[in-house]
Amino acid sequence: MIKLFKIILLISILILSFQKILFAKNNSLLVDKISKNLRCLICQGQSVYDSQSDFAVSMKLLIKNKIESGESEDQIYEYLKNQYGEWIVYDPEFNKKNLILWIFPLILFIFGGLLIYRKVFIN
């Protein structure tokens, strides 16, 4: 009976330790995913994931702490947008503020196409 109890205890400890390892790995993957989509404010050509600046290191730690406290990815993005502005996110949202930025290339493309059509086929 004691042998069976020891075996069950050993199996339980192994399962819990593997679960902790998997949880840590999932958190690490989520930290990497979020930090790849954030601009480093110090090295403006790099993401937080790629940068080794003090800001990037502290940002990764902040993201890790927020994940461990149970916040979702969207909540973390909202917090960072409120703190640093929408510029910090590489993938901006489509809203009224940036509507012209999304539509302007399309308008420019259509206008250029009309000019080329007019020069080639009408003249």
PDB file of N, CA and C in Angstrom:
ATOM      1  N   MET A   1       0.818  -1.198   0.000  1.00  0.00           N
ATOM      2  CA  MET A   1       0.000   0.000   0.000  1.00  0.00           C
ATOM      3  C   MET A   1       0.861   1.262   0.000  1.00  0.00           C
ATOM      4  N   ILE A   2       1.919   1.244   0.791  1.00  0.00           N
ATOM      5  CA  ILE A   2       2.813   2.399   0.853  1.00  0.00           C
ATOM      6  C   ILE A   2       3.536   2.571  -0.478  1.00  0.00           C
ATOM      7  N   LYS A   3       3.897   1.473  -1.115  1.00  0.00           N
ATOM      8  CA  LYS A   3       4.549   1.537  -2.430  1.00  0.00           C
ATOM      9  C   LYS A   3       3.638   2.192  -3.455  1.00  0.00           C
ATOM     10  N   LEU A   4       2.380   1.814  -3.439  1.00  0.00           N
ATOM     11  CA  LEU A   4       1.400   2.390  -4.359  1.00  0.00           C
ATOM     12  C   LEU A   4       1.243   3.886  -4.107  1.00  0.00           C
ATOM     13  N   PHE A   5       1.209   4.267  -2.848  1.00  0.00           N
ATOM     14  CA  PHE A   5       1.106   5.680  -2.490  1.00  0.00           C
ATOM     15  C   PHE A   5       2.323   6.462  -2.978  1.00  0.00           C
ATOM     16  N   LYS A   6       3.514   5.910  -2.831  1.00  0.00           N
ATOM     17  CA  LYS A   6       4.743   6.567  -3.291  1.00  0.00           C
ATOM     18  C   LYS A   6       4.743   6.723  -4.815  1.00  0.00           C
ATOM     19  N   ILE A   7       4.276   5.709  -5.511  1.00  0.00           N
ATOM     20  CA  ILE A   7       4.221   5.764  -6.977  1.00  0.00           C
ATOM     21  C   ILE A   7       3.236   6.841  -7.429  1.00  0.00           C
ATOM     22  N   ILE A   8       2.066   6.865  -6.793  1.00  0.00           N
ATOM     23  CA  ILE A   8       1.066   7.878  -7.136  1.00  0.00           C
ATOM     24  C   ILE A   8       1.598   9.277  -6.827  1.00  0.00           C
ATOM     25  N   LEU A   9       2.270   9.432  -5.711  1.00  0.00           N
ATOM     26  CA  LEU A   9       2.858  10.724  -5.343  1.00  0.00           C
ATOM     27  C   LEU A   9       3.923  11.144  -6.349  1.00  0.00           C
ATOM     28  N   LEU A  10       4.767  10.214  -6.745  1.00  0.00           N
ATOM     29  CA  LEU A  10       5.806  10.504  -7.729  1.00  0.00           C
ATOM     30  C   LEU A  10       5.204  10.918  -9.073  1.00  0.00           C
ATOM     31  N   ILE A  11       4.181  10.204  -9.508  1.00  0.00           N
ATOM     32  CA  ILE A  11       3.512  10.528 -10.779  1.00  0.00           C
ATOM     33  C   ILE A  11       2.863  11.897 -10.695  1.00  0.00           C
ATOM     34  N   SER A  12       2.248  12.209  -9.561  1.00  0.00           N
ATOM     35  CA  SER A  12       1.617  13.525  -9.388  1.00  0.00           C
ATOM     36  C   SER A  12       2.639  14.642  -9.447  1.00  0.00           C
ATOM     37  N   ILE A  13       3.769  14.450  -8.810  1.00  0.00           N
ATOM     38  CA  ILE A  13       4.835  15.465  -8.834  1.00  0.00           C
ATOM     39  C   ILE A  13       5.352  15.663 -10.247  1.00  0.00           C
ATOM     40  N   LEU A  14       5.549  14.582 -10.981  1.00  0.00           N
ATOM     41  CA  LEU A  14       6.019  14.685 -12.363  1.00  0.00           C
ATOM     42  C   LEU A  14       5.006  15.421 -13.239  1.00  0.00           C
ATOM     43  N   ILE A  15       3.734  15.101 -13.078  1.00  0.00           N
ATOM     44  CA  ILE A  15       2.693  15.766 -13.878  1.00  0.00           C
ATOM     45  C   ILE A  15       2.658  17.250 -13.574  1.00  0.00           C
ATOM     46  N   LEU A  16       2.732  17.608 -12.306  1.00  0.00           N
ATOM     47  CA  LEU A  16       2.705  19.028 -11.929  1.00  0.00           C
ATOM     48  C   LEU A  16       3.932  19.775 -12.450  1.00  0.00           C
ATOM     49  N   SER A  17       5.094  19.137 -12.409  1.00  0.00           N
ATOM     50  CA  SER A  17       6.294  19.818 -12.904  1.00  0.00           C
ATOM     51  C   SER A  17       6.242  19.984 -14.423  1.00  0.00           C
ATOM     52  N   PHE A  18       5.731  18.989 -15.147  1.00  0.00           N
ATOM     53  CA  PHE A  18       5.581  19.136 -16.595  1.00  0.00           C
ATOM     54  C   PHE A  18       4.560  20.218 -16.934  1.00  0.00           C
ATOM     55  N   GLN A  19       3.504  20.279 -16.141  1.00  0.00           N
ATOM     56  CA  GLN A  19       2.491  21.310 -16.366  1.00  0.00           C
ATOM     57  C   GLN A  19       3.080  22.696 -16.158  1.00  0.00           C
ATOM     58  N   LYS A  20       3.919  22.844 -15.161  1.00  0.00           N
ATOM     59  CA  LYS A  20       4.557  24.141 -14.897  1.00  0.00           C
ATOM     60  C   LYS A  20       5.500  24.511 -16.042  1.00  0.00           C
ATOM     61  N   ILE A  21       6.226  23.536 -16.554  1.00  0.00           N
ATOM     62  CA  ILE A  21       7.132  23.789 -17.680  1.00  0.00           C
ATOM     63  C   ILE A  21       6.345  24.210 -18.914  1.00  0.00           C
ATOM     64  N   LEU A  22       5.247  23.520 -19.198  1.00  0.00           N
ATOM     65  CA  LEU A  22       4.418  23.868 -20.358  1.00  0.00           C
ATOM     66  C   LEU A  22       3.795  25.249 -20.196  1.00  0.00           C
ATOM     67  N   PHE A  23       3.350  25.574 -18.988  1.00  0.00           N
ATOM     68  CA  PHE A  23       2.766  26.886 -18.727  1.00  0.00           C
ATOM     69  C   PHE A  23       3.804  27.986 -18.941  1.00  0.00           C
ATOM     70  N   ALA A  24       5.032  27.766 -18.461  1.00  0.00           N
ATOM     71  CA  ALA A  24       6.104  28.747 -18.642  1.00  0.00           C
ATOM     72  C   ALA A  24       6.448  28.908 -20.118  1.00  0.00           C
ATOM     73  N   LYS A  25       6.442  27.799 -20.858  1.00  0.00           N
ATOM     74  CA  LYS A  25       6.751  27.871 -22.286  1.00  0.00           C
ATOM     75  C   LYS A  25       5.661  28.636 -23.035  1.00  0.00           C
ATOM     76  N   ASN A  26       4.388  28.386 -22.691  1.00  0.00           N
ATOM     77  CA  ASN A  26       3.283  29.119 -23.323  1.00  0.00           C
ATOM     78  C   ASN A  26       3.373  30.608 -23.022  1.00  0.00           C
ATOM     79  N   ASN A  27       3.715  30.958 -21.782  1.00  0.00           N
ATOM     80  CA  ASN A  27       3.885  32.367 -21.427  1.00  0.00           C
ATOM     81  C   ASN A  27       5.023  32.991 -22.223  1.00  0.00           C
ATOM     82  N   SER A  28       6.108  32.251 -22.371  1.00  0.00           N
ATOM     83  CA  SER A  28       7.250  32.759 -23.128  1.00  0.00           C
ATOM     84  C   SER A  28       6.879  32.993 -24.591  1.00  0.00           C
ATOM     85  N   LEU A  29       6.115  32.076 -25.163  1.00  0.00           N
ATOM     86  CA  LEU A  29       5.681  32.238 -26.552  1.00  0.00           C
ATOM     87  C   LEU A  29       4.762  33.447 -26.711  1.00  0.00           C
ATOM     88  N   LEU A  30       3.884  33.671 -25.737  1.00  0.00           N
ATOM     89  CA  LEU A  30       2.980  34.820 -25.795  1.00  0.00           C
ATOM     90  C   LEU A  30       3.747  36.127 -25.618  1.00  0.00           C
ATOM     91  N   VAL A  31       4.739  36.147 -24.735  1.00  0.00           N
ATOM     92  CA  VAL A  31       5.586  37.338 -24.563  1.00  0.00           C
ATOM     93  C   VAL A  31       6.294  37.637 -25.883  1.00  0.00           C
ATOM     94  N   ASP A  32       6.832  36.612 -26.532  1.00  0.00           N
ATOM     95  CA  ASP A  32       7.516  36.805 -27.820  1.00  0.00           C
ATOM     96  C   ASP A  32       6.553  37.326 -28.880  1.00  0.00           C
ATOM     97  N   LYS A  33       5.353  36.763 -28.936  1.00  0.00           N
ATOM     98  CA  LYS A  33       4.367  37.186 -29.933  1.00  0.00           C
ATOM     99  C   LYS A  33       3.988  38.655 -29.749  1.00  0.00           C
ATOM    100  N   ILE A  34       3.733  39.046 -28.516  1.00  0.00           N
ATOM    101  CA  ILE A  34       3.339  40.441 -28.250  1.00  0.00           C
ATOM    102  C   ILE A  34       4.512  41.382 -28.505  1.00  0.00           C
ATOM    103  N   SER A  35       5.711  41.008 -28.055  1.00  0.00           N
ATOM    104  CA  SER A  35       6.853  41.909 -28.210  1.00  0.00           C
ATOM    105  C   SER A  35       7.291  42.048 -29.671  1.00  0.00           C
ATOM    106  N   LYS A  36       6.966  41.086 -30.529  1.00  0.00           N
ATOM    107  CA  LYS A  36       7.272  41.220 -31.957  1.00  0.00           C
ATOM    108  C   LYS A  36       6.371  42.251 -32.628  1.00  0.00           C
ATOM    109  N   ASN A  37       5.221  42.533 -32.038  1.00  0.00           N
ATOM    110  CA  ASN A  37       4.272  43.474 -32.622  1.00  0.00           C
ATOM    111  C   ASN A  37       4.369  44.865 -31.994  1.00  0.00           C
ATOM    112  N   LEU A  38       5.400  45.115 -31.191  1.00  0.00           N
ATOM    113  CA  LEU A  38       5.576  46.418 -30.550  1.00  0.00           C
ATOM    114  C   LEU A  38       6.863  47.068 -31.026  1.00  0.00           C
ATOM    115  N   ARG A  39       6.795  48.371 -31.247  1.00  0.00           N
ATOM    116  CA  ARG A  39       7.986  49.126 -31.629  1.00  0.00           C
ATOM    117  C   ARG A  39       8.803  49.466 -30.388  1.00  0.00           C
ATOM    118  N   CYS A  40      10.092  49.403 -30.521  1.00  0.00           N
ATOM    119  CA  CYS A  40      10.964  49.880 -29.464  1.00  0.00           C
ATOM    120  C   CYS A  40      11.053  51.397 -29.602  1.00  0.00           C
ATOM    121  N   LEU A  41      10.781  52.114 -28.537  1.00  0.00           N
ATOM    122  CA  LEU A  41      10.805  53.577 -28.595  1.00  0.00           C
ATOM    123  C   LEU A  41      12.225  54.127 -28.603  1.00  0.00           C
ATOM    124  N   ILE A  42      13.199  53.329 -28.222  1.00  0.00           N
ATOM    125  CA  ILE A  42      14.597  53.765 -28.214  1.00  0.00           C
ATOM    126  C   ILE A  42      15.243  53.491 -29.577  1.00  0.00           C
ATOM    127  N   CYS A  43      15.183  52.236 -30.035  1.00  0.00           N
ATOM    128  CA  CYS A  43      15.727  51.867 -31.348  1.00  0.00           C
ATOM    129  C   CYS A  43      14.556  51.793 -32.308  1.00  0.00           C
ATOM    130  N   GLN A  44      14.230  52.874 -32.945  1.00  0.00           N
ATOM    131  CA  GLN A  44      12.968  52.983 -33.661  1.00  0.00           C
ATOM    132  C   GLN A  44      12.870  52.102 -34.898  1.00  0.00           C
ATOM    133  N   GLY A  45      13.928  51.488 -35.311  1.00  0.00           N
ATOM    134  CA  GLY A  45      13.843  50.605 -36.460  1.00  0.00           C
ATOM    135  C   GLY A  45      13.621  49.153 -36.077  1.00  0.00           C
ATOM    136  N   GLN A  46      13.519  48.866 -34.782  1.00  0.00           N
ATOM    137  CA  GLN A  46      13.409  47.489 -34.329  1.00  0.00           C
ATOM    138  C   GLN A  46      12.157  47.282 -33.499  1.00  0.00           C
ATOM    139  N   SER A  47      11.770  46.019 -33.417  1.00  0.00           N
ATOM    140  CA  SER A  47      10.670  45.675 -32.516  1.00  0.00           C
ATOM    141  C   SER A  47      11.238  45.482 -31.115  1.00  0.00           C
ATOM    142  N   VAL A  48      10.368  45.424 -30.141  1.00  0.00           N
ATOM    143  CA  VAL A  48      10.790  45.166 -28.763  1.00  0.00           C
ATOM    144  C   VAL A  48      11.455  43.797 -28.675  1.00  0.00           C
ATOM    145  N   TYR A  49      10.971  42.846 -29.455  1.00  0.00           N
ATOM    146  CA  TYR A  49      11.538  41.495 -29.464  1.00  0.00           C
ATOM    147  C   TYR A  49      12.991  41.504 -29.935  1.00  0.00           C
ATOM    148  N   ASP A  50      13.301  42.283 -30.962  1.00  0.00           N
ATOM    149  CA  ASP A  50      14.645  42.306 -31.542  1.00  0.00           C
ATOM    150  C   ASP A  50      15.618  43.187 -30.776  1.00  0.00           C
ATOM    151  N   SER A  51      15.121  44.162 -30.060  1.00  0.00           N
ATOM    152  CA  SER A  51      15.968  45.149 -29.400  1.00  0.00           C
ATOM    153  C   SER A  51      16.523  44.619 -28.082  1.00  0.00           C
ATOM    154  N   GLN A  52      17.685  45.121 -27.707  1.00  0.00           N
ATOM    155  CA  GLN A  52      18.297  44.783 -26.424  1.00  0.00           C
ATOM    156  C   GLN A  52      18.425  46.018 -25.534  1.00  0.00           C
ATOM    157  N   SER A  53      17.701  47.087 -25.866  1.00  0.00           N
ATOM    158  CA  SER A  53      17.770  48.310 -25.067  1.00  0.00           C
ATOM    159  C   SER A  53      17.107  48.081 -23.711  1.00  0.00           C
ATOM    160  N   ASP A  54      17.389  48.987 -22.786  1.00  0.00           N
ATOM    161  CA  ASP A  54      16.781  48.884 -21.456  1.00  0.00           C
ATOM    162  C   ASP A  54      15.262  48.959 -21.537  1.00  0.00           C
ATOM    163  N   PHE A  55      14.759  49.803 -22.442  1.00  0.00           N
ATOM    164  CA  PHE A  55      13.315  49.930 -22.612  1.00  0.00           C
ATOM    165  C   PHE A  55      12.714  48.607 -23.057  1.00  0.00           C
ATOM    166  N   ALA A  56      13.340  47.951 -24.021  1.00  0.00           N
ATOM    167  CA  ALA A  56      12.818  46.688 -24.543  1.00  0.00           C
ATOM    168  C   ALA A  56      12.839  45.598 -23.479  1.00  0.00           C
ATOM    169  N   VAL A  57      13.907  45.546 -22.712  1.00  0.00           N
ATOM    170  CA  VAL A  57      14.007  44.536 -21.655  1.00  0.00           C
ATOM    171  C   VAL A  57      12.924  44.765 -20.600  1.00  0.00           C
ATOM    172  N   SER A  58      12.731  46.023 -20.212  1.00  0.00           N
ATOM    173  CA  SER A  58      11.695  46.310 -19.216  1.00  0.00           C
ATOM    174  C   SER A  58      10.293  46.069 -19.787  1.00  0.00           C
ATOM    175  N   MET A  59      10.117  46.304 -21.086  1.00  0.00           N
ATOM    176  CA  MET A  59       8.820  46.061 -21.723  1.00  0.00           C
ATOM    177  C   MET A  59       8.511  44.562 -21.741  1.00  0.00           C
ATOM    178  N   LYS A  60       9.503  43.732 -22.045  1.00  0.00           N
ATOM    179  CA  LYS A  60       9.299  42.279 -22.025  1.00  0.00           C
ATOM    180  C   LYS A  60       8.943  41.805 -20.620  1.00  0.00           C
ATOM    181  N   LEU A  61       9.597  42.380 -19.627  1.00  0.00           N
ATOM    182  CA  LEU A  61       9.301  42.020 -18.244  1.00  0.00           C
ATOM    183  C   LEU A  61       7.889  42.457 -17.857  1.00  0.00           C
ATOM    184  N   LEU A  62       7.489  43.634 -18.298  1.00  0.00           N
ATOM    185  CA  LEU A  62       6.131  44.124 -18.037  1.00  0.00           C
ATOM    186  C   LEU A  62       5.087  43.207 -18.670  1.00  0.00           C
ATOM    187  N   ILE A  63       5.331  42.806 -19.914  1.00  0.00           N
ATOM    188  CA  ILE A  63       4.404  41.906 -20.610  1.00  0.00           C
ATOM    189  C   ILE A  63       4.319  40.570 -19.871  1.00  0.00           C
ATOM    190  N   LYS A  64       5.463  40.049 -19.460  1.00  0.00           N
ATOM    191  CA  LYS A  64       5.487  38.779 -18.730  1.00  0.00           C
ATOM    192  C   LYS A  64       4.698  38.887 -17.430  1.00  0.00           C
ATOM    193  N   ASN A  65       4.873  39.985 -16.690  1.00  0.00           N
ATOM    194  CA  ASN A  65       4.150  40.165 -15.430  1.00  0.00           C
ATOM    195  C   ASN A  65       2.650  40.281 -15.654  1.00  0.00           C
ATOM    196  N   LYS A  66       2.252  40.974 -16.705  1.00  0.00           N
ATOM    197  CA  LYS A  66       0.822  41.120 -17.000  1.00  0.00           C
ATOM    198  C   LYS A  66       0.205  39.791 -17.400  1.00  0.00           C
ATOM    199  N   ILE A  67       0.936  38.965 -18.139  1.00  0.00           N
ATOM    200  CA  ILE A  67       0.432  37.643 -18.512  1.00  0.00           C
ATOM    201  C   ILE A  67       0.285  36.771 -17.270  1.00  0.00           C
ATOM    202  N   GLU A  68       1.286  36.824 -16.387  1.00  0.00           N
ATOM    203  CA  GLU A  68       1.223  36.025 -15.168  1.00  0.00           C
ATOM    204  C   GLU A  68       0.108  36.475 -14.235  1.00  0.00           C
ATOM    205  N   SER A  69      -0.268  37.766 -14.326  1.00  0.00           N
ATOM    206  CA  SER A  69      -1.373  38.243 -13.489  1.00  0.00           C
ATOM    207  C   SER A  69      -2.727  37.929 -14.107  1.00  0.00           C
ATOM    208  N   GLY A  70      -2.731  37.330 -15.310  1.00  0.00           N
ATOM    209  CA  GLY A  70      -3.976  36.850 -15.897  1.00  0.00           C
ATOM    210  C   GLY A  70      -4.582  37.751 -16.955  1.00  0.00           C
ATOM    211  N   GLU A  71      -3.871  38.771 -17.404  1.00  0.00           N
ATOM    212  CA  GLU A  71      -4.418  39.659 -18.427  1.00  0.00           C
ATOM    213  C   GLU A  71      -4.299  39.015 -19.806  1.00  0.00           C
ATOM    214  N   SER A  72      -5.258  39.333 -20.664  1.00  0.00           N
ATOM    215  CA  SER A  72      -5.252  38.786 -22.017  1.00  0.00           C
ATOM    216  C   SER A  72      -4.358  39.637 -22.927  1.00  0.00           C
ATOM    217  N   GLU A  73      -4.134  39.120 -24.118  1.00  0.00           N
ATOM    218  CA  GLU A  73      -3.302  39.824 -25.103  1.00  0.00           C
ATOM    219  C   GLU A  73      -3.907  41.179 -25.456  1.00  0.00           C
ATOM    220  N   ASP A  74      -5.217  41.224 -25.658  1.00  0.00           N
ATOM    221  CA  ASP A  74      -5.879  42.489 -25.997  1.00  0.00           C
ATOM    222  C   ASP A  74      -5.791  43.495 -24.863  1.00  0.00           C
ATOM    223  N   GLN A  75      -5.912  43.042 -23.634  1.00  0.00           N
ATOM    224  CA  GLN A  75      -5.789  43.950 -22.492  1.00  0.00           C
ATOM    225  C   GLN A  75      -4.388  44.538 -22.405  1.00  0.00           C
ATOM    226  N   ILE A  76      -3.383  43.739 -22.709  1.00  0.00           N
ATOM    227  CA  ILE A  76      -2.004  44.226 -22.679  1.00  0.00           C
ATOM    228  C   ILE A  76      -1.789  45.268 -23.770  1.00  0.00           C
ATOM    229  N   TYR A  77      -2.299  44.992 -24.987  1.00  0.00           N
ATOM    230  CA  TYR A  77      -2.177  45.973 -26.063  1.00  0.00           C
ATOM    231  C   TYR A  77      -2.879  47.277 -25.700  1.00  0.00           C
ATOM    232  N   GLU A  78      -4.065  47.199 -25.126  1.00  0.00           N
ATOM    233  CA  GLU A  78      -4.798  48.405 -24.733  1.00  0.00           C
ATOM    234  C   GLU A  78      -4.027  49.199 -23.686  1.00  0.00           C
ATOM    235  N   TYR A  79      -3.459  48.509 -22.721  1.00  0.00           N
ATOM    236  CA  TYR A  79      -2.661  49.184 -21.690  1.00  0.00           C
ATOM    237  C   TYR A  79      -1.478  49.920 -22.317  1.00  0.00           C
ATOM    238  N   LEU A  80      -0.769  49.230 -23.213  1.00  0.00           N
ATOM    239  CA  LEU A  80       0.408  49.844 -23.842  1.00  0.00           C
ATOM    240  C   LEU A  80       0.024  51.002 -24.756  1.00  0.00           C
ATOM    241  N   LYS A  81      -1.111  50.893 -25.449  1.00  0.00           N
ATOM    242  CA  LYS A  81      -1.589  52.005 -26.288  1.00  0.00           C
ATOM    243  C   LYS A  81      -1.940  53.207 -25.433  1.00  0.00           C
ATOM    244  N   ASN A  82      -2.544  52.973 -24.277  1.00  0.00           N
ATOM    245  CA  ASN A  82      -2.886  54.072 -23.378  1.00  0.00           C
ATOM    246  C   ASN A  82      -1.638  54.721 -22.804  1.00  0.00           C
ATOM    247  N   GLN A  83      -0.599  53.933 -22.547  1.00  0.00           N
ATOM    248  CA  GLN A  83       0.637  54.465 -21.970  1.00  0.00           C
ATOM    249  C   GLN A  83       1.504  55.191 -22.995  1.00  0.00           C
ATOM    250  N   TYR A  84       1.658  54.601 -24.197  1.00  0.00           N
ATOM    251  CA  TYR A  84       2.634  55.100 -25.168  1.00  0.00           C
ATOM    252  C   TYR A  84       2.021  55.598 -26.468  1.00  0.00           C
ATOM    253  N   GLY A  85       0.743  55.471 -26.629  1.00  0.00           N
ATOM    254  CA  GLY A  85       0.092  55.888 -27.862  1.00  0.00           C
ATOM    255  C   GLY A  85      -0.009  54.734 -28.837  1.00  0.00           C
ATOM    256  N   GLU A  86      -0.842  54.903 -29.844  1.00  0.00           N
ATOM    257  CA  GLU A  86      -1.090  53.827 -30.800  1.00  0.00           C
ATOM    258  C   GLU A  86       0.130  53.550 -31.680  1.00  0.00           C
ATOM    259  N   TRP A  87       1.081  54.472 -31.706  1.00  0.00           N
ATOM    260  CA  TRP A  87       2.265  54.323 -32.541  1.00  0.00           C
ATOM    261  C   TRP A  87       3.109  53.127 -32.111  1.00  0.00           C
ATOM    262  N   ILE A  88       3.005  52.716 -30.865  1.00  0.00           N
ATOM    263  CA  ILE A  88       3.842  51.620 -30.365  1.00  0.00           C
ATOM    264  C   ILE A  88       3.502  50.281 -31.011  1.00  0.00           C
ATOM    265  N   VAL A  89       2.303  50.141 -31.541  1.00  0.00           N
ATOM    266  CA  VAL A  89       1.869  48.873 -32.140  1.00  0.00           C
ATOM    267  C   VAL A  89       2.160  48.903 -33.644  1.00  0.00           C
ATOM    268  N   TYR A  90       2.796  47.848 -34.146  1.00  0.00           N
ATOM    269  CA  TYR A  90       3.093  47.774 -35.577  1.00  0.00           C
ATOM    270  C   TYR A  90       1.844  47.587 -36.423  1.00  0.00           C
ATOM    271  N   ASP A  91       0.857  46.892 -35.908  1.00  0.00           N
ATOM    272  CA  ASP A  91      -0.358  46.596 -36.655  1.00  0.00           C
ATOM    273  C   ASP A  91      -1.479  47.510 -36.163  1.00  0.00           C
ATOM    274  N   PRO A  92      -1.640  48.701 -36.759  1.00  0.00           N
ATOM    275  CA  PRO A  92      -2.633  49.653 -36.248  1.00  0.00           C
ATOM    276  C   PRO A  92      -4.060  49.201 -36.540  1.00  0.00           C
ATOM    277  N   GLU A  93      -4.967  49.694 -35.707  1.00  0.00           N
ATOM    278  CA  GLU A  93      -6.378  49.379 -35.895  1.00  0.00           C
ATOM    279  C   GLU A  93      -6.956  50.250 -37.001  1.00  0.00           C
ATOM    280  N   PHE A  94      -7.995  49.755 -37.632  1.00  0.00           N
ATOM    281  CA  PHE A  94      -8.711  50.504 -38.655  1.00  0.00           C
ATOM    282  C   PHE A  94      -9.834  51.261 -37.956  1.00  0.00           C
ATOM    283  N   ASN A  95      -9.721  52.607 -37.909  1.00  0.00           N
ATOM    284  CA  ASN A  95     -10.756  53.420 -37.280  1.00  0.00           C
ATOM    285  C   ASN A  95     -10.868  54.766 -37.989  1.00  0.00           C
ATOM    286  N   LYS A  96     -11.724  55.648 -37.492  1.00  0.00           N
ATOM    287  CA  LYS A  96     -11.963  56.939 -38.134  1.00  0.00           C
ATOM    288  C   LYS A  96     -10.709  57.801 -38.191  1.00  0.00           C
ATOM    289  N   LYS A  97      -9.870  57.697 -37.168  1.00  0.00           N
ATOM    290  CA  LYS A  97      -8.669  58.536 -37.107  1.00  0.00           C
ATOM    291  C   LYS A  97      -7.698  58.251 -38.244  1.00  0.00           C
ATOM    292  N   ASN A  98      -7.564  56.998 -38.632  1.00  0.00           N
ATOM    293  CA  ASN A  98      -6.588  56.658 -39.668  1.00  0.00           C
ATOM    294  C   ASN A  98      -7.238  56.179 -40.959  1.00  0.00           C
ATOM    295  N   LEU A  99      -8.500  56.488 -41.152  1.00  0.00           N
ATOM    296  CA  LEU A  99      -9.220  56.080 -42.359  1.00  0.00           C
ATOM    297  C   LEU A  99      -8.537  56.624 -43.618  1.00  0.00           C
ATOM    298  N   ILE A 100      -8.127  57.876 -43.594  1.00  0.00           N
ATOM    299  CA  ILE A 100      -7.492  58.480 -44.773  1.00  0.00           C
ATOM    300  C   ILE A 100      -6.170  57.784 -45.105  1.00  0.00           C
ATOM    301  N   LEU A 101      -5.464  57.309 -44.083  1.00  0.00           N
ATOM    302  CA  LEU A 101      -4.196  56.617 -44.332  1.00  0.00           C
ATOM    303  C   LEU A 101      -4.408  55.274 -45.036  1.00  0.00           C
ATOM    304  N   TRP A 102      -5.553  54.643 -44.786  1.00  0.00           N
ATOM    305  CA  TRP A 102      -5.850  53.376 -45.434  1.00  0.00           C
ATOM    306  C   TRP A 102      -6.414  53.581 -46.840  1.00  0.00           C
ATOM    307  N   ILE A 103      -7.153  54.673 -47.047  1.00  0.00           N
ATOM    308  CA  ILE A 103      -7.818  54.907 -48.329  1.00  0.00           C
ATOM    309  C   ILE A 103      -6.929  55.685 -49.307  1.00  0.00           C
ATOM    310  N   PHE A 104      -6.035  56.532 -48.813  1.00  0.00           N
ATOM    311  CA  PHE A 104      -5.216  57.381 -49.677  1.00  0.00           C
ATOM    312  C   PHE A 104      -4.434  56.607 -50.739  1.00  0.00           C
ATOM    313  N   PRO A 105      -3.749  55.495 -50.417  1.00  0.00           N
ATOM    314  CA  PRO A 105      -3.039  54.753 -51.474  1.00  0.00           C
ATOM    315  C   PRO A 105      -3.969  54.247 -52.574  1.00  0.00           C
ATOM    316  N   LEU A 106      -5.167  53.834 -52.203  1.00  0.00           N
ATOM    317  CA  LEU A 106      -6.132  53.368 -53.189  1.00  0.00           C
ATOM    318  C   LEU A 106      -6.564  54.513 -54.104  1.00  0.00           C
ATOM    319  N   ILE A 107      -6.830  55.660 -53.522  1.00  0.00           N
ATOM    320  CA  ILE A 107      -7.211  56.845 -54.314  1.00  0.00           C
ATOM    321  C   ILE A 107      -6.069  57.236 -55.244  1.00  0.00           C
ATOM    322  N   LEU A 108      -4.857  57.236 -54.732  1.00  0.00           N
ATOM    323  CA  LEU A 108      -3.681  57.581 -55.540  1.00  0.00           C
ATOM    324  C   LEU A 108      -3.497  56.592 -56.685  1.00  0.00           C
ATOM    325  N   PHE A 109      -3.692  55.306 -56.431  1.00  0.00           N
ATOM    326  CA  PHE A 109      -3.570  54.279 -57.454  1.00  0.00           C
ATOM    327  C   PHE A 109      -4.617  54.471 -58.554  1.00  0.00           C
ATOM    328  N   ILE A 110      -5.851  54.738 -58.170  1.00  0.00           N
ATOM    329  CA  ILE A 110      -6.926  54.947 -59.152  1.00  0.00           C
ATOM    330  C   ILE A 110      -6.659  56.206 -59.978  1.00  0.00           C
ATOM    331  N   PHE A 111      -6.255  57.293 -59.320  1.00  0.00           N
ATOM    332  CA  PHE A 111      -5.965  58.539 -60.019  1.00  0.00           C
ATOM    333  C   PHE A 111      -4.809  58.361 -61.008  1.00  0.00           C
ATOM    334  N   GLY A 112      -3.752  57.660 -60.593  1.00  0.00           N
ATOM    335  CA  GLY A 112      -2.619  57.399 -61.484  1.00  0.00           C
ATOM    336  C   GLY A 112      -3.029  56.542 -62.673  1.00  0.00           C
ATOM    337  N   GLY A 113      -3.872  55.536 -62.413  1.00  0.00           N
ATOM    338  CA  GLY A 113      -4.370  54.684 -63.497  1.00  0.00           C
ATOM    339  C   GLY A 113      -5.190  55.473 -64.505  1.00  0.00           C
ATOM    340  N   LEU A 114      -6.016  56.397 -64.018  1.00  0.00           N
ATOM    341  CA  LEU A 114      -6.807  57.240 -64.922  1.00  0.00           C
ATOM    342  C   LEU A 114      -5.910  58.155 -65.756  1.00  0.00           C
ATOM    343  N   LEU A 115      -4.861  58.699 -65.136  1.00  0.00           N
ATOM    344  CA  LEU A 115      -3.924  59.552 -65.894  1.00  0.00           C
ATOM    345  C   LEU A 115      -3.218  58.749 -66.985  1.00  0.00           C
ATOM    346  N   ILE A 116      -2.773  57.553 -66.664  1.00  0.00           N
ATOM    347  CA  ILE A 116      -2.090  56.719 -67.660  1.00  0.00           C
ATOM    348  C   ILE A 116      -3.065  56.334 -68.771  1.00  0.00           C
ATOM    349  N   TYR A 117      -4.266  55.950 -68.419  1.00  0.00           N
ATOM    350  CA  TYR A 117      -5.282  55.594 -69.416  1.00  0.00           C
ATOM    351  C   TYR A 117      -5.553  56.776 -70.345  1.00  0.00           C
ATOM    352  N   ARG A 118      -5.666  57.959 -69.758  1.00  0.00           N
ATOM    353  CA  ARG A 118      -5.948  59.157 -70.557  1.00  0.00           C
ATOM    354  C   ARG A 118      -4.800  59.489 -71.516  1.00  0.00           C
ATOM    355  N   LYS A 119      -3.547  59.365 -71.032  1.00  0.00           N
ATOM    356  CA  LYS A 119      -2.389  59.662 -71.874  1.00  0.00           C
ATOM    357  C   LYS A 119      -2.228  58.632 -72.989  1.00  0.00           C
ATOM    358  N   VAL A 120      -2.469  57.372 -72.698  1.00  0.00           N
ATOM    359  CA  VAL A 120      -2.211  56.317 -73.673  1.00  0.00           C
ATOM    360  C   VAL A 120      -3.353  56.173 -74.668  1.00  0.00           C
ATOM    361  N   PHE A 121      -4.587  56.160 -74.228  1.00  0.00           N
ATOM    362  CA  PHE A 121      -5.705  55.821 -75.111  1.00  0.00           C
ATOM    363  C   PHE A 121      -6.455  57.032 -75.659  1.00  0.00           C
ATOM    364  N   ILE A 122      -6.440  58.149 -75.000  1.00  0.00           N
ATOM    365  CA  ILE A 122      -7.208  59.287 -75.482  1.00  0.00           C
ATOM    366  C   ILE A 122      -6.356  60.174 -76.394  1.00  0.00           C
ATOM    367  N   ASN A 123      -5.111  60.338 -76.122  1.00  0.00           N
ATOM    368  CA  ASN A 123      -4.280  61.204 -76.970  1.00  0.00           C
ATOM    369  C   ASN A 123      -3.727  60.446 -78.101  1.00  0.00           C
TER     370      ASN A 123
END
